[in-house]
Amino acid sequence: MNILVVGPSWVGDMVMAQSLFMLLAKNDPELAIDVLAPAWSLPLLERMPEVRTALAMPVGHGQLQLMTRYRLGRALAEKAYQQAIVLPNSFKSALVPWFAGIPLRTGWRGEARSWLLNDCRVLDRKKYPLMMERFAALAVPENSALPTPLPTPALQVQAAGQEKARTKFSLSLSRPVLLVCPGAEFGASKQWPAQHYAAVAAAAIAQGRQIWLLGSANDCQVGAEIYQSLPGALREHCKDLTGRTTLAEAIDLMSLSQAVISNDSGLMHVAAALDRPLVVIYGSTSPAFTPPLARQARTLSLNLACSPCYKRRCPLSGTEHLKCLRELKPMLALEALRSLEH
């Protein structure tokens, strides 16, 4: 049986989707799973052994391009998929499986697309509070119980890739690596202050660690701010890699770390899928929805009355502005890191 999964558009969601792939493969070891997803996600999918083929979606996020979707659907019709599972809730995401004539098209109801999906389900948010559960539930018949425990994401890495990335950026492993992920594509309401990250970095360096700062091009400013906030004598033990790595390189370098501290971000979910000891800072979001799916993880949140608000920018002003992040002090993160070592 061949199945097509239309994948999500965010790094963290794509990592969590591996639970669905793993469950599908467990249910039918002969199943061939292809994933239609944004081109940036191919390095992630290549590290998921359950996926046979990763197909790059030629249409950008939020774009309709109806004829492009039609032509893609007709081309995919030749693969004779028996089922499609559509993970995004948008109308657009359900078009390609419909154009491909895939006989069983499964997904959650959303954006007036019920006529595009013939296995269109109504989400019970209380029954499936976690994003991972909402993906995995599409692997089983409607109203069926999910197996417990659910398989958790597990990305594979190769030593050759690790060494290539380390050599490219002239990185040494003479000190244990604390990998810091200070960005979040969602917005400022997820980002712990740079000064707090710098305080944690300084303390970690003083304890004999080194710091690797990792993130996208959008995180270069916060990466530079953290680096510049360190006392000059400590900077030699801090490597600012924000905006310099590919996603593939970021995965390989993260796998070499002894611990990770991160906002609630896509790279946080990558760290969890690599089974790295992990401390996660939550501000506007909640670990009740997108927790780190790792054996060794600590989540930090002040649980203020105004949170989680799920806003990209803090809706408050004055002394209350971003209090959920500003008042979460570096000492709490350092204590959480220490607890992971015992």
Protein backbone atom coordinates (compact mmCIF):
# COMPACT_ATOMS: atom_id res chain seq x y z
CA MET A 1 0.00 0.00 0.00
CA ASN A 2 1.20 3.49 -0.87
CA ILE A 3 0.18 6.48 1.21
CA LEU A 4 0.77 10.20 0.69
CA VAL A 5 1.05 12.51 3.68
CA VAL A 6 0.73 16.24 3.11
CA GLY A 7 3.13 17.59 5.70
CA PRO A 8 2.97 20.73 7.84
CA SER A 9 4.80 23.99 7.16
CA TRP A 10 6.71 24.46 10.44
CA VAL A 11 9.86 22.74 11.70
CA GLY A 12 8.40 21.68 15.04
CA ASP A 13 5.20 20.36 13.48
CA MET A 14 7.18 18.36 10.94
CA VAL A 15 9.22 16.77 13.72
CA MET A 16 6.05 15.88 15.64
CA ALA A 17 4.57 14.40 12.47
CA GLN A 18 7.13 11.60 12.72
CA SER A 19 4.94 10.06 15.43
CA LEU A 20 2.27 9.62 12.74
CA PHE A 21 4.78 8.08 10.32
CA MET A 22 6.04 5.71 13.02
CA LEU A 23 2.52 4.63 13.93
CA LEU A 24 1.59 4.04 10.29
CA ALA A 25 4.73 1.95 9.78
CA LYS A 26 4.02 -0.05 12.94
CA ASN A 27 0.45 -0.75 11.84
CA ASP A 28 1.62 -1.95 8.41
CA PRO A 29 5.34 -2.75 7.98
CA GLU A 30 4.82 -3.07 4.20
CA LEU A 31 3.39 0.45 3.92
CA ALA A 32 5.27 2.92 1.71
CA ILE A 33 5.00 6.48 3.06
CA ASP A 34 5.70 9.48 0.84
CA VAL A 35 5.53 12.99 2.29
CA LEU A 36 4.68 16.10 0.29
CA ALA A 37 6.27 18.99 2.17
CA PRO A 38 8.11 22.32 1.83
CA ALA A 39 11.59 21.97 0.34
CA TRP A 40 13.24 23.24 3.53
CA SER A 41 11.93 20.18 5.40
CA LEU A 42 13.70 17.59 3.24
CA PRO A 43 16.74 17.30 5.58
CA LEU A 44 14.33 16.45 8.42
CA LEU A 45 12.42 13.87 6.41
CA GLU A 46 15.64 12.28 5.19
CA ARG A 47 16.44 11.49 8.84
CA MET A 48 13.12 9.69 9.35
CA PRO A 49 13.55 6.05 8.28
CA GLU A 50 9.77 5.56 8.02
CA VAL A 51 9.57 7.91 5.03
CA ARG A 52 10.23 6.35 1.61
CA THR A 53 10.31 9.57 -0.40
CA ALA A 54 10.17 13.26 0.50
CA LEU A 55 8.49 15.26 -2.28
CA ALA A 56 9.21 18.99 -2.39
CA MET A 57 6.03 21.07 -2.56
CA PRO A 58 6.52 23.58 -5.42
CA VAL A 59 4.08 26.10 -3.93
CA GLY A 60 5.13 28.42 -1.10
CA HIS A 61 3.34 28.63 2.24
CA GLY A 62 0.11 30.61 1.94
CA GLN A 63 0.11 30.64 -1.87
CA LEU A 64 -2.74 29.14 -3.89
CA GLN A 65 -1.26 28.70 -7.41
CA LEU A 66 -4.18 26.50 -8.40
CA MET A 67 -2.76 25.32 -11.73
CA THR A 68 0.54 24.30 -10.13
CA ARG A 69 -1.36 22.26 -7.55
CA TYR A 70 -3.50 20.72 -10.30
CA ARG A 71 -0.50 19.68 -12.38
CA LEU A 72 1.21 18.23 -9.30
CA GLY A 73 -1.91 16.29 -8.39
CA ARG A 74 -2.23 14.83 -11.87
CA ALA A 75 1.44 13.82 -11.83
CA LEU A 76 1.02 12.13 -8.44
CA ALA A 77 -2.01 10.23 -9.75
CA GLU A 78 0.43 7.93 -11.54
CA LYS A 79 1.74 6.70 -8.17
CA ALA A 80 -1.65 5.15 -7.36
CA TYR A 81 -1.75 6.10 -3.71
CA GLN A 82 -4.51 4.34 -1.78
CA GLN A 83 -4.77 7.02 0.90
CA ALA A 84 -3.75 10.62 1.59
CA ILE A 85 -3.46 12.10 5.08
CA VAL A 86 -3.57 15.89 5.10
CA LEU A 87 -1.98 17.37 8.23
CA PRO A 88 -2.46 21.14 7.68
CA ASN A 89 -6.00 22.41 8.24
CA SER A 90 -6.09 24.72 5.23
CA PHE A 91 -8.30 24.38 2.16
CA LYS A 92 -5.27 24.63 -0.13
CA SER A 93 -3.47 21.69 1.46
CA ALA A 94 -6.31 19.29 0.54
CA LEU A 95 -6.33 20.18 -3.16
CA VAL A 96 -3.41 18.07 -4.41
CA PRO A 97 -4.77 14.72 -3.06
CA TRP A 98 -8.17 15.59 -4.57
CA PHE A 99 -6.62 16.45 -7.94
CA ALA A 100 -4.64 13.19 -7.72
CA GLY A 101 -7.85 11.21 -7.33
CA ILE A 102 -6.58 9.41 -4.23
CA PRO A 103 -9.55 7.27 -3.15
CA LEU A 104 -9.28 7.81 0.64
CA ARG A 105 -8.48 11.36 1.78
CA THR A 106 -8.17 11.82 5.54
CA GLY A 107 -7.86 14.98 7.60
CA TRP A 108 -9.43 17.22 10.22
CA ARG A 109 -12.28 19.52 9.25
CA GLY A 110 -11.08 23.01 8.46
CA GLU A 111 -11.53 25.91 6.03
CA ALA A 112 -14.66 24.61 4.24
CA ARG A 113 -12.81 21.64 2.77
CA SER A 114 -15.19 18.84 3.78
CA TRP A 115 -15.95 18.12 0.10
CA LEU A 116 -12.25 17.62 -0.63
CA LEU A 117 -11.83 15.03 2.13
CA ASN A 118 -14.00 11.91 2.17
CA ASP A 119 -12.66 10.90 5.60
CA CYS A 120 -13.18 14.32 7.17
CA ARG A 121 -13.07 14.21 10.96
CA VAL A 122 -14.15 16.64 13.66
CA LEU A 123 -11.37 17.32 16.14
CA ASP A 124 -12.11 16.82 19.83
CA ARG A 125 -9.51 19.11 21.38
CA LYS A 126 -10.05 17.71 24.86
CA LYS A 127 -9.59 14.14 23.67
CA TYR A 128 -6.41 15.07 21.78
CA PRO A 129 -4.80 17.98 23.67
CA LEU A 130 -1.33 17.45 22.16
CA MET A 131 -0.36 18.30 18.59
CA MET A 132 1.40 14.94 18.34
CA GLU A 133 -1.86 13.16 19.26
CA ARG A 134 -3.83 15.11 16.66
CA PHE A 135 -1.43 13.95 13.97
CA ALA A 136 -1.28 10.36 15.22
CA ALA A 137 -5.08 10.05 15.46
CA LEU A 138 -5.26 10.26 11.67
CA ALA A 139 -3.36 6.96 11.44
CA VAL A 140 -6.20 4.98 13.05
CA PRO A 141 -9.90 4.60 12.18
CA GLU A 142 -12.11 7.40 13.43
CA ASN A 143 -13.08 7.08 17.12
CA SER A 144 -10.48 4.35 17.67
CA ALA A 145 -8.29 4.58 20.75
CA LEU A 146 -4.70 5.65 20.25
CA PRO A 147 -2.06 3.15 21.37
CA THR A 148 -0.18 4.08 24.51
CA PRO A 149 2.49 5.12 24.69
CA LEU A 150 2.64 6.78 21.31
CA PRO A 151 5.96 6.53 19.48
CA THR A 152 7.97 9.72 19.88
CA PRO A 153 10.09 11.32 17.13
CA ALA A 154 13.59 9.95 16.72
CA LEU A 155 15.80 11.53 14.06
CA GLN A 156 18.77 9.60 12.72
CA VAL A 157 22.20 11.16 12.22
CA GLN A 158 25.38 9.89 10.60
CA ALA A 159 28.90 10.36 11.94
CA ALA A 160 30.06 11.58 8.53
CA GLY A 161 27.56 14.43 8.60
CA GLN A 162 28.53 15.38 12.13
CA GLU A 163 32.21 15.52 11.25
CA LYS A 164 31.62 17.46 8.04
CA ALA A 165 29.60 20.14 9.86
CA ARG A 166 32.06 20.36 12.74
CA THR A 167 34.99 20.75 10.34
CA LYS A 168 33.20 23.38 8.24
CA PHE A 169 32.73 25.66 11.26
CA SER A 170 36.05 24.79 12.96
CA LEU A 171 34.33 23.49 16.08
CA SER A 172 36.18 21.62 18.80
CA LEU A 173 34.74 19.10 21.24
CA SER A 174 37.40 19.76 23.88
CA ARG A 175 34.67 21.16 26.16
CA PRO A 176 31.13 19.83 26.66
CA VAL A 177 28.70 21.67 24.38
CA LEU A 178 25.69 23.58 25.70
CA LEU A 179 23.71 24.39 22.60
CA VAL A 180 21.59 27.54 22.86
CA CYS A 181 18.61 28.17 20.54
CA PRO A 182 17.50 31.76 21.32
CA GLY A 183 15.12 32.34 18.40
CA ALA A 184 11.52 31.50 17.58
CA GLU A 185 9.91 32.01 14.19
CA PHE A 186 6.51 32.47 15.84
CA GLY A 187 7.41 35.87 17.28
CA ALA A 188 8.87 37.87 20.15
CA SER A 189 6.40 36.48 22.68
CA LYS A 190 8.29 33.17 22.57
CA GLN A 191 11.78 34.61 22.95
CA TRP A 192 13.51 34.64 26.31
CA PRO A 193 15.56 37.86 26.70
CA ALA A 194 19.06 37.78 25.23
CA GLN A 195 20.47 38.98 28.57
CA HIS A 196 19.04 35.90 30.28
CA TYR A 197 20.60 33.60 27.70
CA ALA A 198 23.90 35.45 28.09
CA ALA A 199 23.79 34.94 31.89
CA VAL A 200 23.24 31.21 31.42
CA ALA A 201 26.01 31.05 28.82
CA ALA A 202 28.47 32.87 31.07
CA ALA A 203 27.72 30.54 33.99
CA ALA A 204 28.03 27.46 31.77
CA ILE A 205 31.39 28.60 30.38
CA ALA A 206 32.64 29.24 33.91
CA GLN A 207 31.68 25.63 34.70
CA GLY A 208 33.85 24.35 31.86
CA ARG A 209 31.36 24.16 29.02
CA GLN A 210 31.39 25.81 25.61
CA ILE A 211 28.39 27.48 23.95
CA TRP A 212 27.13 27.03 20.41
CA LEU A 213 24.43 29.52 19.39
CA LEU A 214 22.15 28.05 16.75
CA GLY A 215 19.31 29.56 14.75
CA SER A 216 18.10 30.88 11.41
CA ALA A 217 19.06 34.11 9.67
CA ASN A 218 16.25 35.79 11.62
CA ASP A 219 18.12 35.00 14.83
CA CYS A 220 21.41 36.70 13.92
CA GLN A 221 20.58 39.81 15.92
CA VAL A 222 19.81 37.97 19.14
CA GLY A 223 22.82 35.69 18.59
CA ALA A 224 25.11 38.71 18.27
CA GLU A 225 23.55 40.31 21.33
CA ILE A 226 24.20 37.22 23.44
CA TYR A 227 27.78 36.97 22.21
CA GLN A 228 28.49 40.67 22.79
CA SER A 229 26.97 40.48 26.29
CA LEU A 230 29.57 37.93 27.38
CA PRO A 231 32.73 39.22 29.12
CA GLY A 232 35.58 39.33 26.63
CA ALA A 233 37.52 36.52 28.29
CA LEU A 234 34.57 34.14 27.85
CA ARG A 235 33.86 34.79 24.19
CA GLU A 236 36.49 32.36 22.96
CA HIS A 237 34.28 29.58 24.29
CA CYS A 238 31.17 30.79 22.46
CA LYS A 239 30.50 30.15 18.76
CA ASP A 240 27.72 32.17 17.17
CA LEU A 241 26.37 30.00 14.33
CA THR A 242 23.03 31.77 13.90
CA GLY A 243 22.19 32.23 10.24
CA ARG A 244 25.24 30.28 9.10
CA THR A 245 24.08 26.66 9.05
CA THR A 246 21.72 24.75 6.85
CA LEU A 247 18.99 22.81 8.62
CA ALA A 248 20.92 19.60 7.91
CA GLU A 249 24.04 21.05 9.54
CA ALA A 250 22.02 22.33 12.49
CA ILE A 251 20.66 18.83 13.12
CA ASP A 252 24.10 17.25 12.92
CA LEU A 253 25.70 19.83 15.20
CA MET A 254 22.88 19.63 17.72
CA SER A 255 23.39 15.88 17.96
CA LEU A 256 26.92 16.56 19.29
CA SER A 257 25.73 18.65 22.24
CA GLN A 258 25.60 17.49 25.84
CA ALA A 259 22.57 19.68 26.59
CA VAL A 260 20.27 22.18 24.88
CA ILE A 261 18.43 25.24 26.16
CA SER A 262 15.78 26.66 23.88
CA ASN A 263 12.61 28.63 23.48
CA ASP A 264 9.49 26.76 22.39
CA SER A 265 10.64 26.53 18.78
CA GLY A 266 11.24 24.19 15.89
CA LEU A 267 14.82 23.56 16.96
CA MET A 268 13.54 22.60 20.41
CA HIS A 269 11.57 19.76 18.82
CA VAL A 270 14.65 18.75 16.81
CA ALA A 271 16.65 18.55 20.05
CA ALA A 272 13.95 16.38 21.62
CA ALA A 273 13.92 14.06 18.59
CA LEU A 274 17.70 13.74 18.95
CA ASP A 275 17.19 12.78 22.61
CA ARG A 276 19.33 15.64 23.90
CA PRO A 277 18.95 16.69 27.57
CA LEU A 278 16.78 19.74 27.14
CA VAL A 279 15.53 22.82 29.01
CA VAL A 280 12.65 24.68 27.33
CA ILE A 281 11.47 28.21 28.10
CA TYR A 282 7.75 28.86 27.63
CA GLY A 283 6.22 32.33 27.44
CA SER A 284 3.14 32.87 25.29
CA THR A 285 2.70 29.14 24.60
CA SER A 286 2.24 26.08 26.78
CA PRO A 287 3.91 22.70 27.27
CA ALA A 288 0.36 21.32 27.58
CA PHE A 289 0.07 21.56 23.76
CA THR A 290 3.58 21.24 22.31
CA PRO A 291 5.82 19.73 25.00
CA PRO A 292 9.32 18.48 24.25
CA LEU A 293 8.96 14.80 23.37
CA ALA A 294 12.22 13.80 25.04
CA ARG A 295 13.14 11.47 27.90
CA GLN A 296 15.29 14.11 29.58
CA ALA A 297 13.50 17.46 29.47
CA ARG A 298 12.58 20.26 31.84
CA THR A 299 10.00 22.89 30.94
CA LEU A 300 10.00 26.32 32.56
CA SER A 301 6.95 28.57 32.69
CA LEU A 302 5.71 31.12 35.23
CA ASN A 303 2.09 30.14 34.50
CA LEU A 304 0.88 33.72 34.84
CA ALA A 305 -2.81 34.55 34.67
CA CYS A 306 -2.32 36.06 31.20
CA SER A 307 -0.59 33.02 29.76
CA PRO A 308 -0.65 31.13 27.55
CA CYS A 309 -2.00 33.82 25.24
CA TYR A 310 -0.66 32.33 21.98
CA LYS A 311 -0.05 35.84 20.63
CA ARG A 312 2.94 36.57 18.42
CA ARG A 313 3.54 39.79 20.35
CA CYS A 314 2.68 40.49 23.95
CA PRO A 315 -0.74 42.22 24.05
CA LEU A 316 0.09 43.98 27.34
CA SER A 317 2.09 47.13 27.98
CA GLY A 318 4.04 48.79 30.76
CA THR A 319 5.46 46.71 33.61
CA GLU A 320 3.38 43.68 32.58
CA HIS A 321 4.85 43.58 29.05
CA LEU A 322 6.52 40.19 28.40
CA LYS A 323 6.55 39.54 32.12
CA CYS A 324 6.12 35.81 31.44
CA LEU A 325 9.63 35.83 29.96
CA ARG A 326 11.40 38.70 31.72
CA GLU A 327 10.55 37.41 35.19
CA LEU A 328 11.69 33.88 34.41
CA LYS A 329 15.22 34.32 35.73
CA PRO A 330 18.41 32.64 34.48
CA MET A 331 18.94 30.86 37.79
CA LEU A 332 15.84 28.76 37.12
CA ALA A 333 17.32 27.56 33.83
CA LEU A 334 20.69 26.80 35.44
CA GLU A 335 18.97 24.78 38.14
CA ALA A 336 17.04 22.88 35.49
CA LEU A 337 20.25 22.13 33.60
CA ARG A 338 21.86 20.82 36.79
CA SER A 339 18.86 18.60 37.51
CA LEU A 340 19.31 16.93 34.11
CA GLU A 341 22.80 15.83 35.14
CA HIS A 342 21.69 13.99 38.27
